[in-house]
Amino acid sequence: MSILSDVKEIEAKVRESMENGPVTPYYSLSLEKVYEVLNAALASEIICVLRYKQHYYMTTSIHQEQLQDLFKEHWLDEEKHLEMIADRIKQLGGVPNLDPNGISKRAFSSFESGHTLADLLREDLLAERVVIKIYSDIVKFFGKADPVSRRMFEEILKDEEDHADEIADLLYTVDPKTGKTVEQFSGDSVSKPFKA
């Protein structure tokens, strides 16, 4: 069947279940799995917003203004991500799970908060690195089957990589003995693996 082949056949098939909006019978991924993946990402973004807000209010040092600006910028980015993900869940016929009960169980990342400025930055860098890996896996999961969700996660992934880069630079400024920051945080042991 060519791309312009049988419009009547396509029209007849998509006429079925019109209430499903953009989800046609040609959507090849399991919607239950898609909702599970998207709601886990949504929970992770909520955790990130809360962690950055916590770190914003904990910051006191000669670097306070610069760090608070960074933390606020990042939490605003994470809020944008969670809204994008929630909108996509709704668009695909699901329900965004914003119930505070169980958010940490659904999320890929954890909420940690250290006692020093360097600890805060390490926790943020670790969390960003975890979602970079998992969101890369999610991009592959959606692949060609759902290019809209894939592009959304590619956009989010770019932001997360930018966050990790900025945090790594700041961590080195705050705690120069960290040296090669990127190599130091290679373990993703606190994350939940993404399973397609």
N, C-alpha and C. Protein backbone atom coordinates (compact mmCIF):
# COMPACT_ATOMS: atom_id res chain seq x y z
N MET A 1 0.86 -1.18 0.00
CA MET A 1 0.00 0.00 0.00
C MET A 1 0.90 1.23 0.00
N SER A 2 0.72 2.08 -0.99
CA SER A 2 1.52 3.31 -1.04
C SER A 2 0.94 4.31 -0.06
N ILE A 3 1.70 5.36 0.14
CA ILE A 3 1.28 6.38 1.12
C ILE A 3 -0.04 7.04 0.73
N LEU A 4 -0.31 7.07 -0.55
CA LEU A 4 -1.55 7.69 -1.02
C LEU A 4 -2.53 6.66 -1.57
N SER A 5 -2.32 5.41 -1.22
CA SER A 5 -3.08 4.32 -1.84
C SER A 5 -4.58 4.41 -1.62
N ASP A 6 -5.07 3.71 -0.67
CA ASP A 6 -6.52 3.57 -0.55
C ASP A 6 -7.05 4.45 0.57
N VAL A 7 -7.36 5.68 0.21
CA VAL A 7 -7.87 6.65 1.18
C VAL A 7 -9.20 6.17 1.75
N LYS A 8 -10.03 5.54 0.94
CA LYS A 8 -11.33 5.06 1.41
C LYS A 8 -11.16 3.99 2.49
N GLU A 9 -10.18 3.11 2.30
CA GLU A 9 -9.93 2.06 3.29
C GLU A 9 -9.44 2.67 4.61
N ILE A 10 -8.55 3.63 4.50
CA ILE A 10 -8.04 4.31 5.69
C ILE A 10 -9.18 5.04 6.39
N GLU A 11 -9.98 5.74 5.60
CA GLU A 11 -11.10 6.50 6.18
C GLU A 11 -12.05 5.57 6.92
N ALA A 12 -12.35 4.42 6.34
CA ALA A 12 -13.26 3.46 6.98
C ALA A 12 -12.66 2.95 8.30
N LYS A 13 -11.36 2.67 8.29
CA LYS A 13 -10.72 2.13 9.50
C LYS A 13 -10.66 3.18 10.61
N VAL A 14 -10.32 4.43 10.28
CA VAL A 14 -10.20 5.44 11.32
C VAL A 14 -11.57 5.96 11.77
N ARG A 15 -12.60 5.67 11.01
CA ARG A 15 -13.95 6.07 11.42
C ARG A 15 -14.37 5.30 12.67
N GLU A 16 -13.80 4.09 12.83
CA GLU A 16 -14.06 3.30 14.03
C GLU A 16 -13.53 4.04 15.25
N SER A 17 -14.21 4.00 16.33
CA SER A 17 -13.78 4.60 17.60
C SER A 17 -13.37 6.06 17.44
N MET A 18 -14.26 6.84 16.85
CA MET A 18 -13.98 8.26 16.62
C MET A 18 -13.70 9.00 17.93
N GLU A 19 -14.26 8.50 19.03
CA GLU A 19 -14.08 9.17 20.33
C GLU A 19 -12.63 9.09 20.83
N ASN A 20 -11.79 8.31 20.17
CA ASN A 20 -10.40 8.17 20.59
C ASN A 20 -9.50 9.30 20.08
N GLY A 21 -10.11 10.30 19.46
CA GLY A 21 -9.35 11.47 19.03
C GLY A 21 -8.20 11.11 18.12
N PRO A 22 -6.97 11.51 18.48
CA PRO A 22 -5.84 11.25 17.59
C PRO A 22 -5.34 9.81 17.60
N VAL A 23 -5.86 8.98 18.51
CA VAL A 23 -5.40 7.59 18.60
C VAL A 23 -6.23 6.75 17.64
N THR A 24 -5.65 6.50 16.49
CA THR A 24 -6.34 5.72 15.46
C THR A 24 -6.02 4.24 15.64
N PRO A 25 -6.73 3.37 14.93
CA PRO A 25 -6.41 1.93 15.00
C PRO A 25 -4.99 1.63 14.50
N TYR A 26 -4.34 2.57 13.88
CA TYR A 26 -2.97 2.37 13.39
C TYR A 26 -1.92 2.63 14.46
N TYR A 27 -2.33 3.12 15.63
CA TYR A 27 -1.38 3.36 16.72
C TYR A 27 -0.91 2.01 17.22
N SER A 28 0.38 1.72 17.11
CA SER A 28 0.86 0.35 17.33
C SER A 28 1.37 0.05 18.73
N LEU A 29 1.53 1.05 19.57
CA LEU A 29 2.02 0.80 20.92
C LEU A 29 0.86 0.48 21.86
N SER A 30 1.17 -0.27 22.90
CA SER A 30 0.17 -0.55 23.93
C SER A 30 -0.10 0.74 24.70
N LEU A 31 -1.34 1.19 24.67
CA LEU A 31 -1.67 2.44 25.38
C LEU A 31 -1.44 2.31 26.88
N GLU A 32 -1.71 1.15 27.44
CA GLU A 32 -1.47 0.96 28.88
C GLU A 32 0.01 1.17 29.21
N LYS A 33 0.89 0.62 28.37
CA LYS A 33 2.33 0.79 28.58
C LYS A 33 2.71 2.26 28.37
N VAL A 34 2.14 2.89 27.36
CA VAL A 34 2.42 4.30 27.09
C VAL A 34 2.02 5.16 28.29
N TYR A 35 0.82 4.92 28.84
CA TYR A 35 0.37 5.69 30.01
C TYR A 35 1.31 5.45 31.20
N GLU A 36 1.75 4.20 31.37
CA GLU A 36 2.65 3.88 32.48
C GLU A 36 3.98 4.64 32.33
N VAL A 37 4.54 4.63 31.12
CA VAL A 37 5.80 5.33 30.86
C VAL A 37 5.64 6.83 31.06
N LEU A 38 4.57 7.38 30.48
CA LEU A 38 4.36 8.83 30.58
C LEU A 38 4.08 9.26 32.01
N ASN A 39 3.31 8.48 32.75
CA ASN A 39 3.03 8.85 34.15
C ASN A 39 4.27 8.70 35.03
N ALA A 40 5.16 7.77 34.70
CA ALA A 40 6.43 7.66 35.45
C ALA A 40 7.29 8.89 35.16
N ALA A 41 7.32 9.32 33.91
CA ALA A 41 8.07 10.54 33.56
C ALA A 41 7.45 11.76 34.23
N LEU A 42 6.12 11.80 34.26
CA LEU A 42 5.42 12.90 34.92
C LEU A 42 5.79 12.95 36.41
N ALA A 43 5.79 11.81 37.07
CA ALA A 43 6.16 11.75 38.49
C ALA A 43 7.61 12.20 38.68
N SER A 44 8.48 11.81 37.76
CA SER A 44 9.89 12.21 37.85
C SER A 44 10.04 13.72 37.73
N GLU A 45 9.26 14.33 36.85
CA GLU A 45 9.32 15.78 36.69
C GLU A 45 8.80 16.49 37.94
N ILE A 46 7.76 15.94 38.56
CA ILE A 46 7.24 16.52 39.81
C ILE A 46 8.32 16.46 40.88
N ILE A 47 8.99 15.31 41.00
CA ILE A 47 10.09 15.16 41.97
C ILE A 47 11.17 16.21 41.69
N CYS A 48 11.50 16.40 40.42
CA CYS A 48 12.55 17.36 40.06
C CYS A 48 12.15 18.78 40.44
N VAL A 49 10.90 19.15 40.19
CA VAL A 49 10.42 20.48 40.57
C VAL A 49 10.58 20.66 42.08
N LEU A 50 10.13 19.68 42.84
CA LEU A 50 10.19 19.78 44.30
C LEU A 50 11.63 19.82 44.81
N ARG A 51 12.49 19.01 44.20
CA ARG A 51 13.89 18.99 44.62
C ARG A 51 14.55 20.35 44.35
N TYR A 52 14.33 20.90 43.17
CA TYR A 52 14.93 22.20 42.84
C TYR A 52 14.37 23.31 43.75
N LYS A 53 13.09 23.24 44.06
CA LYS A 53 12.52 24.24 44.98
C LYS A 53 13.15 24.09 46.36
N GLN A 54 13.28 22.85 46.84
CA GLN A 54 13.91 22.61 48.13
C GLN A 54 15.33 23.19 48.14
N HIS A 55 16.07 22.92 47.11
CA HIS A 55 17.45 23.40 47.04
C HIS A 55 17.52 24.92 46.91
N TYR A 56 16.55 25.50 46.23
CA TYR A 56 16.46 26.96 46.13
C TYR A 56 16.38 27.58 47.53
N TYR A 57 15.49 27.04 48.34
CA TYR A 57 15.27 27.62 49.67
C TYR A 57 16.36 27.24 50.67
N MET A 58 17.11 26.20 50.39
CA MET A 58 18.20 25.79 51.29
C MET A 58 19.49 26.56 51.02
N THR A 59 19.60 27.17 49.85
CA THR A 59 20.87 27.77 49.43
C THR A 59 21.20 29.03 50.22
N THR A 60 22.33 28.98 50.89
CA THR A 60 22.89 30.15 51.56
C THR A 60 24.40 30.07 51.41
N SER A 61 24.96 31.01 50.69
CA SER A 61 26.41 31.06 50.52
C SER A 61 26.73 32.30 49.70
N ILE A 62 28.01 32.49 49.44
CA ILE A 62 28.38 33.62 48.59
C ILE A 62 27.87 33.41 47.17
N HIS A 63 27.51 32.18 46.85
CA HIS A 63 26.98 31.85 45.51
C HIS A 63 25.45 31.84 45.50
N GLN A 64 24.82 32.28 46.57
CA GLN A 64 23.36 32.14 46.72
C GLN A 64 22.58 32.67 45.53
N GLU A 65 22.85 33.88 45.12
CA GLU A 65 22.04 34.48 44.05
C GLU A 65 22.17 33.68 42.75
N GLN A 66 23.40 33.35 42.39
CA GLN A 66 23.62 32.59 41.16
C GLN A 66 22.95 31.23 41.22
N LEU A 67 23.10 30.54 42.35
CA LEU A 67 22.50 29.22 42.49
C LEU A 67 20.98 29.27 42.54
N GLN A 68 20.44 30.23 43.27
CA GLN A 68 18.98 30.32 43.32
C GLN A 68 18.41 30.62 41.93
N ASP A 69 19.11 31.45 41.16
CA ASP A 69 18.66 31.71 39.78
C ASP A 69 18.65 30.42 38.97
N LEU A 70 19.70 29.63 39.13
CA LEU A 70 19.80 28.36 38.40
C LEU A 70 18.70 27.40 38.84
N PHE A 71 18.54 27.22 40.17
CA PHE A 71 17.52 26.30 40.67
C PHE A 71 16.12 26.71 40.20
N LYS A 72 15.84 28.01 40.21
CA LYS A 72 14.52 28.46 39.78
C LYS A 72 14.33 28.23 38.28
N GLU A 73 15.35 28.53 37.50
CA GLU A 73 15.27 28.29 36.05
C GLU A 73 14.99 26.81 35.78
N HIS A 74 15.69 25.94 36.51
CA HIS A 74 15.52 24.51 36.30
C HIS A 74 14.14 24.04 36.75
N TRP A 75 13.63 24.55 37.89
CA TRP A 75 12.30 24.08 38.30
C TRP A 75 11.24 24.56 37.33
N LEU A 76 11.42 25.74 36.75
CA LEU A 76 10.46 26.22 35.75
C LEU A 76 10.51 25.36 34.49
N ASP A 77 11.71 24.94 34.09
CA ASP A 77 11.83 24.02 32.95
C ASP A 77 11.14 22.71 33.26
N GLU A 78 11.35 22.18 34.47
CA GLU A 78 10.75 20.91 34.84
C GLU A 78 9.22 21.01 34.89
N GLU A 79 8.70 22.15 35.34
CA GLU A 79 7.24 22.36 35.33
C GLU A 79 6.71 22.37 33.90
N LYS A 80 7.46 22.98 33.00
CA LYS A 80 7.06 22.97 31.58
C LYS A 80 7.04 21.54 31.06
N HIS A 81 8.05 20.76 31.43
CA HIS A 81 8.10 19.36 31.00
C HIS A 81 6.90 18.58 31.52
N LEU A 82 6.57 18.77 32.80
CA LEU A 82 5.45 17.99 33.35
C LEU A 82 4.13 18.39 32.70
N GLU A 83 3.99 19.65 32.33
CA GLU A 83 2.78 20.07 31.62
C GLU A 83 2.72 19.46 30.22
N MET A 84 3.87 19.40 29.54
CA MET A 84 3.91 18.78 28.21
C MET A 84 3.52 17.31 28.30
N ILE A 85 4.07 16.62 29.29
CA ILE A 85 3.79 15.19 29.45
C ILE A 85 2.33 14.97 29.82
N ALA A 86 1.81 15.77 30.74
CA ALA A 86 0.40 15.64 31.14
C ALA A 86 -0.52 15.88 29.94
N ASP A 87 -0.21 16.89 29.14
CA ASP A 87 -1.01 17.17 27.94
C ASP A 87 -0.98 15.99 26.98
N ARG A 88 0.19 15.39 26.83
CA ARG A 88 0.31 14.25 25.90
C ARG A 88 -0.48 13.05 26.41
N ILE A 89 -0.43 12.80 27.70
CA ILE A 89 -1.22 11.69 28.27
C ILE A 89 -2.69 11.90 27.95
N LYS A 90 -3.17 13.12 28.21
CA LYS A 90 -4.58 13.44 27.96
C LYS A 90 -4.91 13.29 26.47
N GLN A 91 -4.01 13.78 25.63
CA GLN A 91 -4.24 13.70 24.19
C GLN A 91 -4.35 12.26 23.71
N LEU A 92 -3.60 11.37 24.36
CA LEU A 92 -3.64 9.96 23.98
C LEU A 92 -4.76 9.19 24.70
N GLY A 93 -5.63 9.91 25.40
CA GLY A 93 -6.80 9.29 26.01
C GLY A 93 -6.58 8.79 27.42
N GLY A 94 -5.44 9.11 28.01
CA GLY A 94 -5.15 8.67 29.37
C GLY A 94 -5.44 9.76 30.38
N VAL A 95 -5.13 9.47 31.63
CA VAL A 95 -5.33 10.42 32.72
C VAL A 95 -3.98 10.67 33.39
N PRO A 96 -3.52 11.92 33.39
CA PRO A 96 -2.26 12.21 34.09
C PRO A 96 -2.42 11.92 35.58
N ASN A 97 -1.49 11.14 36.12
CA ASN A 97 -1.57 10.76 37.53
C ASN A 97 -0.79 11.78 38.37
N LEU A 98 -1.51 12.73 38.95
CA LEU A 98 -0.91 13.76 39.78
C LEU A 98 -1.17 13.51 41.27
N ASP A 99 -1.67 12.33 41.58
CA ASP A 99 -1.93 11.97 42.97
C ASP A 99 -0.61 11.96 43.74
N PRO A 100 -0.50 12.77 44.81
CA PRO A 100 0.76 12.80 45.55
C PRO A 100 1.12 11.46 46.20
N ASN A 101 0.11 10.64 46.47
CA ASN A 101 0.39 9.31 47.02
C ASN A 101 1.05 8.45 45.95
N GLY A 102 2.24 8.01 46.21
CA GLY A 102 2.92 7.12 45.28
C GLY A 102 3.78 7.78 44.23
N ILE A 103 3.92 9.11 44.28
CA ILE A 103 4.74 9.77 43.26
C ILE A 103 6.16 9.22 43.29
N SER A 104 6.73 9.07 44.47
CA SER A 104 8.12 8.58 44.54
C SER A 104 8.24 7.14 44.05
N LYS A 105 7.18 6.36 44.14
CA LYS A 105 7.21 4.98 43.64
C LYS A 105 7.10 4.94 42.12
N ARG A 106 6.37 5.90 41.54
CA ARG A 106 6.21 5.95 40.09
C ARG A 106 7.41 6.59 39.39
N ALA A 107 8.12 7.45 40.09
CA ALA A 107 9.18 8.26 39.48
C ALA A 107 10.43 7.44 39.18
N PHE A 108 11.19 7.89 38.18
CA PHE A 108 12.48 7.30 37.86
C PHE A 108 13.58 7.83 38.77
N SER A 109 13.39 9.03 39.29
CA SER A 109 14.43 9.62 40.13
C SER A 109 13.92 9.76 41.56
N SER A 110 14.86 10.01 42.46
CA SER A 110 14.49 10.10 43.86
C SER A 110 14.67 11.53 44.37
N PHE A 111 14.06 11.80 45.50
CA PHE A 111 14.18 13.12 46.13
C PHE A 111 15.19 13.00 47.25
N GLU A 112 16.34 13.61 47.05
CA GLU A 112 17.39 13.62 48.06
C GLU A 112 17.79 15.06 48.28
N SER A 113 18.25 15.36 49.47
CA SER A 113 18.70 16.71 49.77
C SER A 113 19.86 16.64 50.74
N GLY A 114 21.02 17.08 50.28
CA GLY A 114 22.22 17.02 51.10
C GLY A 114 22.28 18.15 52.11
N HIS A 115 23.42 18.23 52.79
CA HIS A 115 23.59 19.23 53.84
C HIS A 115 24.55 20.35 53.46
N THR A 116 25.29 20.16 52.37
CA THR A 116 26.18 21.21 51.91
C THR A 116 25.78 21.61 50.50
N LEU A 117 26.27 22.74 50.06
CA LEU A 117 25.98 23.20 48.71
C LEU A 117 26.47 22.20 47.68
N ALA A 118 27.66 21.66 47.90
CA ALA A 118 28.19 20.65 46.97
C ALA A 118 27.29 19.41 46.96
N ASP A 119 26.76 19.02 48.13
CA ASP A 119 25.83 17.88 48.19
C ASP A 119 24.58 18.14 47.35
N LEU A 120 24.03 19.35 47.47
CA LEU A 120 22.83 19.70 46.70
C LEU A 120 23.11 19.57 45.21
N LEU A 121 24.22 20.11 44.79
CA LEU A 121 24.57 20.07 43.37
C LEU A 121 24.83 18.64 42.90
N ARG A 122 25.46 17.83 43.75
CA ARG A 122 25.69 16.42 43.38
C ARG A 122 24.36 15.68 43.21
N GLU A 123 23.43 15.93 44.13
CA GLU A 123 22.11 15.28 44.02
C GLU A 123 21.40 15.70 42.74
N ASP A 124 21.47 16.98 42.42
CA ASP A 124 20.82 17.46 41.20
C ASP A 124 21.49 16.88 39.96
N LEU A 125 22.82 16.81 39.97
CA LEU A 125 23.53 16.26 38.82
C LEU A 125 23.22 14.78 38.66
N LEU A 126 23.20 14.05 39.76
CA LEU A 126 22.86 12.63 39.68
C LEU A 126 21.45 12.45 39.12
N ALA A 127 20.49 13.23 39.62
CA ALA A 127 19.11 13.11 39.14
C ALA A 127 19.02 13.43 37.65
N GLU A 128 19.73 14.46 37.22
CA GLU A 128 19.70 14.81 35.79
C GLU A 128 20.30 13.69 34.95
N ARG A 129 21.39 13.12 35.43
CA ARG A 129 22.04 12.04 34.68
C ARG A 129 21.14 10.80 34.60
N VAL A 130 20.41 10.53 35.66
CA VAL A 130 19.48 9.39 35.65
C VAL A 130 18.41 9.62 34.59
N VAL A 131 17.78 10.80 34.58
CA VAL A 131 16.71 11.02 33.59
C VAL A 131 17.26 11.13 32.18
N ILE A 132 18.49 11.58 32.02
CA ILE A 132 19.10 11.60 30.68
C ILE A 132 19.14 10.18 30.13
N LYS A 133 19.59 9.24 30.94
CA LYS A 133 19.65 7.84 30.49
C LYS A 133 18.25 7.29 30.22
N ILE A 134 17.36 7.50 31.15
CA ILE A 134 16.03 6.91 31.01
C ILE A 134 15.25 7.57 29.87
N TYR A 135 15.34 8.89 29.74
CA TYR A 135 14.64 9.56 28.65
C TYR A 135 15.22 9.17 27.29
N SER A 136 16.51 8.86 27.24
CA SER A 136 17.09 8.34 26.00
C SER A 136 16.45 7.00 25.65
N ASP A 137 16.24 6.16 26.66
CA ASP A 137 15.55 4.89 26.45
C ASP A 137 14.10 5.11 26.00
N ILE A 138 13.45 6.11 26.57
CA ILE A 138 12.06 6.41 26.21
C ILE A 138 11.98 6.90 24.76
N VAL A 139 12.95 7.69 24.33
CA VAL A 139 12.99 8.13 22.94
C VAL A 139 13.02 6.90 22.03
N LYS A 140 13.84 5.90 22.38
CA LYS A 140 13.92 4.67 21.58
C LYS A 140 12.60 3.89 21.66
N PHE A 141 11.98 3.88 22.84
CA PHE A 141 10.71 3.17 23.01
C PHE A 141 9.65 3.72 22.04
N PHE A 142 9.54 5.04 21.96
CA PHE A 142 8.53 5.62 21.06
C PHE A 142 8.95 5.51 19.60
N GLY A 143 10.24 5.67 19.33
CA GLY A 143 10.78 5.48 17.99
C GLY A 143 9.89 6.00 16.88
N LYS A 144 9.65 5.14 15.89
CA LYS A 144 8.81 5.51 14.75
C LYS A 144 7.32 5.31 15.05
N ALA A 145 7.02 4.55 16.11
CA ALA A 145 5.62 4.23 16.43
C ALA A 145 4.84 5.45 16.91
N ASP A 146 5.51 6.38 17.59
CA ASP A 146 4.84 7.58 18.11
C ASP A 146 5.84 8.75 18.01
N PRO A 147 5.96 9.32 16.80
CA PRO A 147 6.95 10.39 16.61
C PRO A 147 6.65 11.65 17.41
N VAL A 148 5.40 11.90 17.74
CA VAL A 148 5.07 13.10 18.53
C VAL A 148 5.63 12.96 19.95
N SER A 149 5.38 11.83 20.59
CA SER A 149 5.92 11.60 21.93
C SER A 149 7.44 11.53 21.89
N ARG A 150 7.98 10.91 20.84
CA ARG A 150 9.44 10.83 20.73
C ARG A 150 10.07 12.22 20.65
N ARG A 151 9.51 13.08 19.79
CA ARG A 151 10.05 14.45 19.66
C ARG A 151 9.90 15.23 20.96
N MET A 152 8.80 15.03 21.68
CA MET A 152 8.61 15.70 22.96
C MET A 152 9.75 15.31 23.91
N PHE A 153 10.05 14.01 23.99
CA PHE A 153 11.12 13.57 24.89
C PHE A 153 12.50 13.99 24.39
N GLU A 154 12.67 14.11 23.09
CA GLU A 154 13.94 14.64 22.58
C GLU A 154 14.13 16.09 23.02
N GLU A 155 13.06 16.86 23.00
CA GLU A 155 13.12 18.25 23.46
C GLU A 155 13.41 18.31 24.97
N ILE A 156 12.72 17.49 25.73
CA ILE A 156 12.94 17.44 27.18
C ILE A 156 14.37 16.99 27.47
N LEU A 157 14.83 15.99 26.75
CA LEU A 157 16.18 15.45 26.93
C LEU A 157 17.23 16.53 26.71
N LYS A 158 17.05 17.37 25.73
CA LYS A 158 17.99 18.47 25.49
C LYS A 158 18.06 19.39 26.71
N ASP A 159 16.91 19.73 27.28
CA ASP A 159 16.89 20.56 28.49
C ASP A 159 17.63 19.87 29.63
N GLU A 160 17.39 18.57 29.81
CA GLU A 160 18.02 17.85 30.91
C GLU A 160 19.54 17.81 30.73
N GLU A 161 20.00 17.65 29.50
CA GLU A 161 21.44 17.68 29.25
C GLU A 161 22.02 19.07 29.54
N ASP A 162 21.29 20.11 29.17
CA ASP A 162 21.72 21.48 29.49
C ASP A 162 21.81 21.67 31.01
N HIS A 163 20.82 21.15 31.74
CA HIS A 163 20.84 21.26 33.20
C HIS A 163 22.08 20.56 33.78
N ALA A 164 22.33 19.34 33.31
CA ALA A 164 23.49 18.59 33.82
C ALA A 164 24.79 19.33 33.54
N ASP A 165 24.90 19.92 32.38
CA ASP A 165 26.10 20.68 32.02
C ASP A 165 26.30 21.88 32.93
N GLU A 166 25.22 22.61 33.16
CA GLU A 166 25.30 23.79 34.04
C GLU A 166 25.64 23.40 35.48
N ILE A 167 25.02 22.34 35.96
CA ILE A 167 25.26 21.90 37.34
C ILE A 167 26.70 21.40 37.49
N ALA A 168 27.19 20.65 36.51
CA ALA A 168 28.57 20.15 36.58
C ALA A 168 29.55 21.32 36.65
N ASP A 169 29.31 22.35 35.86
CA ASP A 169 30.19 23.54 35.91
C ASP A 169 30.12 24.21 37.27
N LEU A 170 28.92 24.36 37.80
CA LEU A 170 28.77 25.01 39.11
C LEU A 170 29.37 24.16 40.22
N LEU A 171 29.21 22.86 40.13
CA LEU A 171 29.78 21.99 41.15
C LEU A 171 31.29 22.16 41.20
N TYR A 172 31.91 22.23 40.05
CA TYR A 172 33.36 22.42 40.02
C TYR A 172 33.74 23.78 40.60
N THR A 173 32.91 24.81 40.35
CA THR A 173 33.17 26.14 40.91
C THR A 173 33.06 26.12 42.43
N VAL A 174 32.02 25.45 42.94
CA VAL A 174 31.76 25.40 44.38
C VAL A 174 32.75 24.47 45.08
N ASP A 175 33.09 23.36 44.43
CA ASP A 175 33.95 22.35 45.06
C ASP A 175 34.99 21.86 44.04
N PRO A 176 36.03 22.68 43.80
CA PRO A 176 37.01 22.36 42.75
C PRO A 176 37.70 21.01 42.92
N LYS A 177 37.75 20.48 44.13
CA LYS A 177 38.41 19.19 44.32
C LYS A 177 37.65 18.04 43.67
N THR A 178 36.43 18.30 43.21
CA THR A 178 35.66 17.25 42.54
C THR A 178 36.34 16.85 41.24
N GLY A 179 37.13 17.73 40.68
CA GLY A 179 37.89 17.38 39.47
C GLY A 179 37.00 17.05 38.31
N LYS A 180 37.13 15.84 37.81
CA LYS A 180 36.38 15.43 36.63
C LYS A 180 34.98 15.00 37.04
N THR A 181 34.11 15.96 37.14
CA THR A 181 32.78 15.76 37.68
C THR A 181 31.99 14.69 36.94
N VAL A 182 32.06 14.70 35.63
CA VAL A 182 31.23 13.79 34.85
C VAL A 182 31.56 12.34 35.18
N GLU A 183 32.85 11.98 35.25
CA GLU A 183 33.22 10.61 35.56
C GLU A 183 32.82 10.22 36.98
N GLN A 184 32.79 11.19 37.88
CA GLN A 184 32.52 10.90 39.27
C GLN A 184 31.10 10.39 39.50
N PHE A 185 30.15 10.74 38.65
CA PHE A 185 28.74 10.40 38.88
C PHE A 185 28.22 9.45 37.81
N SER A 186 28.96 8.41 37.55
CA SER A 186 28.56 7.50 36.49
C SER A 186 27.56 6.45 36.94
N GLY A 187 27.40 6.22 38.24
CA GLY A 187 26.47 5.19 38.72
C GLY A 187 25.05 5.69 38.79
N ASP A 188 24.13 4.90 38.26
CA ASP A 188 22.72 5.26 38.29
C ASP A 188 21.98 4.33 39.25
N SER A 189 22.61 3.98 40.35
CA SER A 189 22.07 2.95 41.24
C SER A 189 20.79 3.35 41.95
N VAL A 190 20.50 4.66 42.05
CA VAL A 190 19.28 5.06 42.76
C VAL A 190 18.09 5.15 41.81
N SER A 191 18.28 4.85 40.56
CA SER A 191 17.18 4.97 39.62
C SER A 191 16.45 3.65 39.46
N LYS A 192 15.25 3.77 38.98
CA LYS A 192 14.50 2.58 38.60
C LYS A 192 14.74 2.41 37.10
N PRO A 193 15.08 1.22 36.65
CA PRO A 193 15.34 1.05 35.22
C PRO A 193 14.06 1.22 34.42
N PHE A 194 14.21 1.73 33.22
CA PHE A 194 13.08 1.85 32.31
C PHE A 194 12.95 0.55 31.55
N LYS A 195 11.77 -0.02 31.55
CA LYS A 195 11.53 -1.27 30.83
C LYS A 195 10.45 -1.03 29.80
N ALA A 196 10.79 -1.27 28.56
CA ALA A 196 9.84 -1.07 27.45
C ALA A 196 8.81 -2.17 27.43
